[in-house]
N, C-alpha and C. Protein backbone atom coordinates (compact mmCIF):
# COMPACT_ATOMS: atom_id res chain seq x y z
N MET A 1 -10.30 5.70 6.88
CA MET A 1 -8.89 5.36 6.80
C MET A 1 -8.23 5.75 8.13
N PHE A 2 -7.34 4.90 8.58
CA PHE A 2 -6.57 5.14 9.79
C PHE A 2 -5.09 5.10 9.45
N THR A 3 -4.28 5.80 10.24
CA THR A 3 -2.84 5.82 10.04
C THR A 3 -2.14 5.56 11.36
N LEU A 4 -1.18 4.66 11.33
CA LEU A 4 -0.28 4.46 12.46
C LEU A 4 1.00 5.20 12.11
N GLU A 5 1.28 6.25 12.87
CA GLU A 5 2.49 7.04 12.62
C GLU A 5 3.64 6.40 13.39
N HIS A 6 4.58 5.84 12.63
CA HIS A 6 5.73 5.17 13.24
C HIS A 6 7.02 5.75 12.71
N GLN A 7 8.06 5.71 13.52
CA GLN A 7 9.35 6.28 13.13
C GLN A 7 9.94 5.58 11.90
N ASP A 8 9.55 4.34 11.63
CA ASP A 8 10.04 3.63 10.45
C ASP A 8 9.16 3.86 9.22
N GLY A 9 8.10 4.63 9.37
CA GLY A 9 7.21 4.93 8.26
C GLY A 9 5.76 4.68 8.63
N ASP A 10 4.88 5.50 8.10
CA ASP A 10 3.46 5.39 8.40
C ASP A 10 2.85 4.14 7.76
N ILE A 11 1.85 3.59 8.43
CA ILE A 11 1.10 2.44 7.91
C ILE A 11 -0.37 2.83 7.88
N GLU A 12 -1.02 2.59 6.75
CA GLU A 12 -2.44 2.91 6.61
C GLU A 12 -3.28 1.66 6.82
N TYR A 13 -4.45 1.88 7.44
CA TYR A 13 -5.37 0.79 7.77
C TYR A 13 -6.78 1.15 7.32
N THR A 14 -7.55 0.12 7.00
CA THR A 14 -8.97 0.30 6.71
C THR A 14 -9.77 -0.45 7.78
N ILE A 15 -10.99 0.00 7.97
CA ILE A 15 -11.86 -0.61 8.97
C ILE A 15 -12.33 -1.98 8.46
N GLU A 16 -12.26 -2.97 9.31
CA GLU A 16 -12.77 -4.30 9.00
C GLU A 16 -14.11 -4.52 9.68
N LYS A 17 -14.16 -4.22 10.98
CA LYS A 17 -15.37 -4.35 11.78
C LYS A 17 -15.37 -3.25 12.82
N GLY A 18 -16.53 -2.97 13.33
CA GLY A 18 -16.62 -1.98 14.40
C GLY A 18 -18.05 -1.79 14.82
N GLY A 19 -18.19 -1.11 15.93
CA GLY A 19 -19.51 -0.82 16.42
C GLY A 19 -19.44 -0.14 17.77
N PHE A 20 -20.63 0.25 18.26
CA PHE A 20 -20.71 0.86 19.57
C PHE A 20 -21.99 0.42 20.24
N ALA A 21 -21.97 0.53 21.57
CA ALA A 21 -23.17 0.24 22.36
C ALA A 21 -23.13 1.13 23.59
N VAL A 22 -24.31 1.54 24.04
CA VAL A 22 -24.44 2.24 25.31
C VAL A 22 -25.38 1.39 26.15
N ILE A 23 -24.83 0.86 27.24
CA ILE A 23 -25.58 -0.03 28.12
C ILE A 23 -25.48 0.52 29.54
N ASP A 24 -26.63 0.79 30.15
CA ASP A 24 -26.67 1.33 31.52
C ASP A 24 -25.76 2.55 31.65
N SER A 25 -25.85 3.48 30.69
CA SER A 25 -25.08 4.72 30.66
C SER A 25 -23.57 4.49 30.60
N GLU A 26 -23.15 3.37 30.00
CA GLU A 26 -21.73 3.10 29.78
C GLU A 26 -21.49 2.85 28.30
N LEU A 27 -20.41 3.44 27.79
CA LEU A 27 -20.07 3.34 26.38
C LEU A 27 -19.12 2.17 26.14
N TYR A 28 -19.45 1.39 25.12
CA TYR A 28 -18.58 0.32 24.62
C TYR A 28 -18.34 0.62 23.15
N LEU A 29 -17.09 0.60 22.75
CA LEU A 29 -16.72 0.96 21.39
C LEU A 29 -15.67 -0.02 20.91
N SER A 30 -15.77 -0.49 19.69
CA SER A 30 -14.84 -1.48 19.17
C SER A 30 -14.51 -1.18 17.72
N ILE A 31 -13.20 -1.19 17.40
CA ILE A 31 -12.75 -0.95 16.04
C ILE A 31 -11.67 -1.98 15.71
N GLU A 32 -11.84 -2.68 14.60
CA GLU A 32 -10.86 -3.64 14.11
C GLU A 32 -10.42 -3.18 12.73
N THR A 33 -9.12 -2.98 12.55
CA THR A 33 -8.62 -2.52 11.27
C THR A 33 -7.60 -3.50 10.70
N LYS A 34 -7.39 -3.37 9.40
CA LYS A 34 -6.42 -4.21 8.70
C LYS A 34 -5.55 -3.31 7.83
N ALA A 35 -4.26 -3.63 7.75
CA ALA A 35 -3.33 -2.84 6.94
C ALA A 35 -3.75 -2.87 5.47
N VAL A 36 -3.63 -1.73 4.82
CA VAL A 36 -3.97 -1.63 3.40
C VAL A 36 -2.99 -2.45 2.56
N LYS A 37 -1.70 -2.31 2.86
CA LYS A 37 -0.69 -3.04 2.10
C LYS A 37 -0.39 -4.38 2.77
N GLU A 38 -0.13 -5.37 1.93
CA GLU A 38 0.26 -6.68 2.45
C GLU A 38 1.71 -6.62 2.92
N ASP A 39 2.07 -7.53 3.77
CA ASP A 39 3.45 -7.67 4.24
C ASP A 39 3.96 -6.46 5.02
N VAL A 40 3.07 -5.77 5.73
CA VAL A 40 3.52 -4.71 6.65
C VAL A 40 3.34 -5.21 8.07
N PHE A 41 4.03 -4.58 8.98
CA PHE A 41 3.94 -4.96 10.39
C PHE A 41 3.74 -3.72 11.23
N PRO A 42 2.73 -3.74 12.09
CA PRO A 42 1.75 -4.80 12.30
C PRO A 42 0.67 -4.76 11.22
N ASP A 43 0.10 -5.93 10.93
CA ASP A 43 -0.88 -6.03 9.85
C ASP A 43 -2.29 -5.68 10.29
N CYS A 44 -2.49 -5.45 11.62
CA CYS A 44 -3.80 -5.07 12.10
C CYS A 44 -3.65 -4.18 13.34
N PHE A 45 -4.72 -3.48 13.68
CA PHE A 45 -4.75 -2.61 14.85
C PHE A 45 -6.17 -2.66 15.40
N TYR A 46 -6.29 -3.12 16.65
CA TYR A 46 -7.60 -3.21 17.30
C TYR A 46 -7.65 -2.19 18.43
N PHE A 47 -8.82 -1.55 18.58
CA PHE A 47 -9.02 -0.54 19.61
C PHE A 47 -10.38 -0.76 20.25
N ALA A 48 -10.44 -0.66 21.58
CA ALA A 48 -11.73 -0.84 22.26
C ALA A 48 -11.79 0.04 23.50
N VAL A 49 -12.99 0.54 23.76
CA VAL A 49 -13.31 1.22 25.02
C VAL A 49 -14.34 0.35 25.71
N ASP A 50 -14.10 0.06 26.98
CA ASP A 50 -14.90 -0.91 27.72
C ASP A 50 -15.54 -0.26 28.94
N GLY A 51 -16.84 0.05 28.84
CA GLY A 51 -17.60 0.48 30.01
C GLY A 51 -17.30 1.87 30.52
N LEU A 52 -17.12 2.84 29.62
CA LEU A 52 -16.86 4.21 30.03
C LEU A 52 -18.17 4.91 30.40
N PRO A 53 -18.30 5.40 31.65
CA PRO A 53 -19.53 6.11 32.01
C PRO A 53 -19.73 7.35 31.14
N VAL A 54 -20.94 7.51 30.63
CA VAL A 54 -21.27 8.66 29.79
C VAL A 54 -22.55 9.30 30.31
N LYS A 55 -22.72 10.53 29.97
CA LYS A 55 -23.96 11.24 30.32
C LYS A 55 -25.09 10.68 29.45
N ASP A 56 -26.26 11.22 29.61
CA ASP A 56 -27.41 10.76 28.84
C ASP A 56 -27.22 10.95 27.34
N CYS A 57 -26.40 11.93 26.97
CA CYS A 57 -26.24 12.26 25.55
C CYS A 57 -24.77 12.20 25.17
N LEU A 58 -24.47 11.53 24.05
CA LEU A 58 -23.10 11.45 23.56
C LEU A 58 -22.73 12.60 22.64
N GLU A 59 -23.71 13.38 22.22
CA GLU A 59 -23.51 14.41 21.20
C GLU A 59 -22.30 15.28 21.50
N ASN A 60 -21.41 15.39 20.51
CA ASN A 60 -20.23 16.24 20.57
C ASN A 60 -19.38 15.97 21.80
N SER A 61 -19.23 14.70 22.15
CA SER A 61 -18.40 14.31 23.28
C SER A 61 -16.93 14.31 22.88
N ASN A 62 -16.08 14.76 23.77
CA ASN A 62 -14.65 14.69 23.61
C ASN A 62 -14.13 13.92 24.82
N ILE A 63 -13.84 12.65 24.63
CA ILE A 63 -13.52 11.76 25.73
C ILE A 63 -12.02 11.53 25.77
N ARG A 64 -11.45 11.67 26.95
CA ARG A 64 -10.05 11.31 27.16
C ARG A 64 -10.04 10.12 28.11
N ILE A 65 -9.35 9.07 27.71
CA ILE A 65 -9.30 7.87 28.52
C ILE A 65 -7.90 7.27 28.43
N ALA A 66 -7.42 6.77 29.55
CA ALA A 66 -6.12 6.10 29.61
C ALA A 66 -6.31 4.73 30.22
N THR A 67 -5.31 3.89 30.05
CA THR A 67 -5.37 2.53 30.58
C THR A 67 -5.62 2.55 32.07
N ASN A 68 -6.56 1.74 32.50
CA ASN A 68 -6.86 1.59 33.92
C ASN A 68 -5.82 0.66 34.52
N PRO A 69 -5.04 1.13 35.50
CA PRO A 69 -3.97 0.28 36.05
C PRO A 69 -4.49 -0.99 36.73
N ASN A 70 -5.75 -1.01 37.12
CA ASN A 70 -6.33 -2.20 37.74
C ASN A 70 -6.95 -3.15 36.72
N ASP A 71 -6.83 -2.78 35.43
CA ASP A 71 -7.37 -3.59 34.33
C ASP A 71 -8.85 -3.91 34.52
N GLU A 72 -9.59 -2.89 34.93
CA GLU A 72 -11.04 -3.05 35.10
C GLU A 72 -11.74 -1.90 34.40
N ALA A 73 -13.02 -2.05 34.17
CA ALA A 73 -13.80 -1.00 33.49
C ALA A 73 -13.88 0.24 34.38
N PRO A 74 -13.87 1.45 33.80
CA PRO A 74 -13.68 1.69 32.37
C PRO A 74 -12.22 1.49 31.98
N ASN A 75 -12.03 1.03 30.78
CA ASN A 75 -10.68 0.77 30.31
C ASN A 75 -10.62 0.99 28.80
N VAL A 76 -9.40 1.14 28.31
CA VAL A 76 -9.17 1.30 26.88
C VAL A 76 -8.10 0.28 26.49
N TYR A 77 -8.26 -0.32 25.31
CA TYR A 77 -7.36 -1.39 24.88
C TYR A 77 -6.84 -1.13 23.48
N VAL A 78 -5.58 -1.51 23.26
CA VAL A 78 -4.98 -1.53 21.93
C VAL A 78 -4.31 -2.89 21.77
N TYR A 79 -4.64 -3.57 20.69
CA TYR A 79 -3.97 -4.80 20.31
C TYR A 79 -3.42 -4.59 18.90
N THR A 80 -2.13 -4.86 18.75
CA THR A 80 -1.52 -4.86 17.41
C THR A 80 -0.82 -6.20 17.30
N SER A 81 0.49 -6.19 17.34
CA SER A 81 1.24 -7.45 17.42
C SER A 81 1.34 -7.88 18.88
N PHE A 82 0.86 -7.05 19.78
CA PHE A 82 0.88 -7.32 21.22
C PHE A 82 -0.25 -6.54 21.87
N HIS A 83 -0.51 -6.79 23.13
CA HIS A 83 -1.49 -6.04 23.90
C HIS A 83 -0.75 -4.88 24.55
N ALA A 84 -1.07 -3.66 24.17
CA ALA A 84 -0.39 -2.49 24.72
C ALA A 84 -0.75 -2.31 26.19
N CYS A 85 0.25 -2.14 27.02
CA CYS A 85 0.01 -1.97 28.46
C CYS A 85 -0.38 -0.54 28.80
N GLU A 86 0.14 0.41 28.03
CA GLU A 86 -0.16 1.82 28.29
C GLU A 86 -0.79 2.45 27.05
N VAL A 87 -1.99 2.96 27.23
CA VAL A 87 -2.73 3.59 26.13
C VAL A 87 -3.32 4.90 26.64
N GLU A 88 -3.18 5.94 25.85
CA GLU A 88 -3.86 7.20 26.10
C GLU A 88 -4.63 7.54 24.84
N ALA A 89 -5.90 7.82 25.00
CA ALA A 89 -6.73 8.06 23.81
C ALA A 89 -7.61 9.28 23.99
N THR A 90 -7.78 9.99 22.90
CA THR A 90 -8.80 11.03 22.79
C THR A 90 -9.79 10.54 21.75
N VAL A 91 -11.05 10.47 22.14
CA VAL A 91 -12.10 9.96 21.26
C VAL A 91 -13.14 11.07 21.12
N GLU A 92 -13.26 11.60 19.92
CA GLU A 92 -14.26 12.63 19.64
C GLU A 92 -15.46 11.96 18.99
N LEU A 93 -16.63 12.16 19.57
CA LEU A 93 -17.85 11.53 19.06
C LEU A 93 -18.81 12.57 18.53
N THR A 94 -19.41 12.27 17.42
CA THR A 94 -20.50 13.06 16.88
C THR A 94 -21.65 12.11 16.61
N VAL A 95 -22.79 12.40 17.18
CA VAL A 95 -23.95 11.54 16.98
C VAL A 95 -24.60 11.92 15.65
N ILE A 96 -24.72 10.95 14.78
CA ILE A 96 -25.39 11.15 13.50
C ILE A 96 -26.87 10.82 13.64
N SER A 97 -27.14 9.72 14.32
CA SER A 97 -28.51 9.31 14.63
C SER A 97 -28.44 8.41 15.85
N GLU A 98 -29.58 7.92 16.28
CA GLU A 98 -29.59 7.01 17.42
C GLU A 98 -28.83 5.72 17.13
N GLU A 99 -28.71 5.40 15.85
CA GLU A 99 -28.08 4.15 15.42
C GLU A 99 -26.67 4.32 14.87
N GLU A 100 -26.17 5.56 14.73
CA GLU A 100 -24.88 5.76 14.08
C GLU A 100 -24.14 6.94 14.71
N ILE A 101 -22.83 6.75 14.92
CA ILE A 101 -21.98 7.82 15.41
C ILE A 101 -20.74 7.93 14.52
N GLU A 102 -20.13 9.10 14.53
CA GLU A 102 -18.83 9.27 13.89
C GLU A 102 -17.80 9.40 14.99
N VAL A 103 -16.68 8.68 14.84
CA VAL A 103 -15.65 8.63 15.85
C VAL A 103 -14.33 9.10 15.23
N VAL A 104 -13.66 10.04 15.90
CA VAL A 104 -12.33 10.47 15.51
C VAL A 104 -11.39 10.04 16.63
N LEU A 105 -10.36 9.26 16.27
CA LEU A 105 -9.43 8.72 17.25
C LEU A 105 -8.06 9.35 17.18
N HIS A 106 -7.47 9.58 18.34
CA HIS A 106 -6.05 9.91 18.50
C HIS A 106 -5.58 9.02 19.64
N VAL A 107 -4.88 7.94 19.30
CA VAL A 107 -4.51 6.92 20.28
C VAL A 107 -2.99 6.81 20.33
N VAL A 108 -2.44 6.94 21.52
CA VAL A 108 -1.00 6.81 21.72
C VAL A 108 -0.74 5.55 22.53
N SER A 109 0.16 4.70 22.03
CA SER A 109 0.55 3.48 22.75
C SER A 109 2.03 3.23 22.54
N GLU A 110 2.50 2.14 23.13
CA GLU A 110 3.92 1.81 23.00
C GLU A 110 4.31 1.52 21.56
N ASP A 111 5.60 1.56 21.31
CA ASP A 111 6.16 1.29 20.00
C ASP A 111 5.84 -0.15 19.58
N VAL A 112 5.43 -0.31 18.34
CA VAL A 112 5.08 -1.65 17.84
C VAL A 112 6.29 -2.42 17.35
N ASN A 113 7.43 -1.75 17.17
CA ASN A 113 8.62 -2.41 16.62
C ASN A 113 9.81 -2.47 17.56
N TYR A 114 9.92 -1.53 18.48
CA TYR A 114 11.12 -1.45 19.31
C TYR A 114 10.76 -1.55 20.79
N TYR A 115 11.64 -2.21 21.53
CA TYR A 115 11.45 -2.40 22.97
C TYR A 115 12.69 -1.98 23.74
N ASN A 116 13.54 -1.18 23.12
CA ASN A 116 14.78 -0.74 23.75
C ASN A 116 14.85 0.78 23.71
N GLU A 117 16.06 1.32 23.74
CA GLU A 117 16.21 2.79 23.74
C GLU A 117 15.70 3.45 22.46
N LYS A 118 15.48 2.68 21.40
CA LYS A 118 14.93 3.23 20.15
C LYS A 118 13.42 3.44 20.22
N ALA A 119 12.76 2.82 21.19
CA ALA A 119 11.30 2.86 21.26
C ALA A 119 10.77 4.27 21.42
N LYS A 120 9.73 4.58 20.67
CA LYS A 120 9.04 5.86 20.76
C LYS A 120 7.54 5.59 20.75
N PRO A 121 6.76 6.42 21.43
CA PRO A 121 5.30 6.22 21.40
C PRO A 121 4.77 6.30 19.97
N ASN A 122 3.76 5.50 19.67
CA ASN A 122 3.11 5.51 18.36
C ASN A 122 1.77 6.21 18.44
N LEU A 123 1.44 6.98 17.41
CA LEU A 123 0.13 7.62 17.30
C LEU A 123 -0.67 6.89 16.24
N PHE A 124 -1.88 6.48 16.60
CA PHE A 124 -2.83 5.87 15.68
C PHE A 124 -3.98 6.85 15.57
N LYS A 125 -4.30 7.29 14.36
CA LYS A 125 -5.36 8.29 14.22
C LYS A 125 -6.20 8.01 12.98
N GLY A 126 -7.41 8.53 13.04
CA GLY A 126 -8.31 8.37 11.92
C GLY A 126 -9.75 8.54 12.38
N SER A 127 -10.67 8.35 11.44
CA SER A 127 -12.08 8.51 11.78
C SER A 127 -12.91 7.44 11.06
N VAL A 128 -14.07 7.16 11.64
CA VAL A 128 -14.95 6.14 11.08
C VAL A 128 -16.37 6.37 11.59
N LYS A 129 -17.35 5.95 10.81
CA LYS A 129 -18.74 5.93 11.27
C LYS A 129 -19.03 4.53 11.78
N LEU A 130 -19.61 4.46 12.97
CA LEU A 130 -19.92 3.18 13.59
C LEU A 130 -21.42 3.03 13.80
N ILE A 131 -21.89 1.82 13.60
CA ILE A 131 -23.30 1.47 13.77
C ILE A 131 -23.50 0.87 15.16
N LYS A 132 -24.63 1.15 15.76
CA LYS A 132 -24.99 0.57 17.05
C LYS A 132 -25.13 -0.94 16.90
N LYS A 133 -24.53 -1.67 17.85
CA LYS A 133 -24.57 -3.14 17.81
C LYS A 133 -24.80 -3.68 19.20
N ASN A 134 -25.17 -4.94 19.27
CA ASN A 134 -25.22 -5.63 20.55
C ASN A 134 -23.78 -5.87 21.00
N LEU A 135 -23.53 -5.82 22.29
CA LEU A 135 -22.19 -5.98 22.81
C LEU A 135 -21.54 -7.28 22.36
N GLY A 136 -22.32 -8.35 22.29
CA GLY A 136 -21.80 -9.64 21.87
C GLY A 136 -21.33 -9.71 20.43
N GLU A 137 -21.71 -8.72 19.62
CA GLU A 137 -21.31 -8.67 18.21
C GLU A 137 -19.99 -7.94 17.99
N MET A 138 -19.45 -7.34 19.06
CA MET A 138 -18.24 -6.53 18.92
C MET A 138 -17.05 -7.21 19.58
N TRP A 139 -15.85 -6.94 19.04
CA TRP A 139 -14.63 -7.44 19.67
C TRP A 139 -14.38 -6.66 20.95
N MET A 140 -14.23 -7.39 22.05
CA MET A 140 -13.86 -6.81 23.33
C MET A 140 -12.85 -7.75 23.98
N PRO A 141 -11.73 -7.24 24.44
CA PRO A 141 -10.75 -8.11 25.11
C PRO A 141 -11.40 -8.74 26.34
N SER A 142 -10.96 -9.96 26.65
CA SER A 142 -11.50 -10.61 27.83
C SER A 142 -10.41 -10.93 28.83
């Protein structure tokens, strides 16, 4: 379960799809969620890490990543009702096996509802177990 903490009220999300891959010592991570309740906004929240250099072992990693201003790898992405331009994320990884990891997210991005003086940063948080996948099987912004 994931929660988007918003000033107008929290929204809960469940995982729809997700996965991870480590290719040439770079981490790719993708999470697609959908709102639990119908008729809420935003109705989905997508999160991705694209090409983050990692050591040989992911075990007990605590990764901090922010949006790359040049929009190149490594980068972190948030899509809700829009593509967030500024994202700061803490990603805690626990390796369960070679094929499965547990991910705990704390993701801060722009307000999903306000674009004026009312706007406040939003926190998206939660945890999920992800299965190793081929990169082509995961959502990645292009």
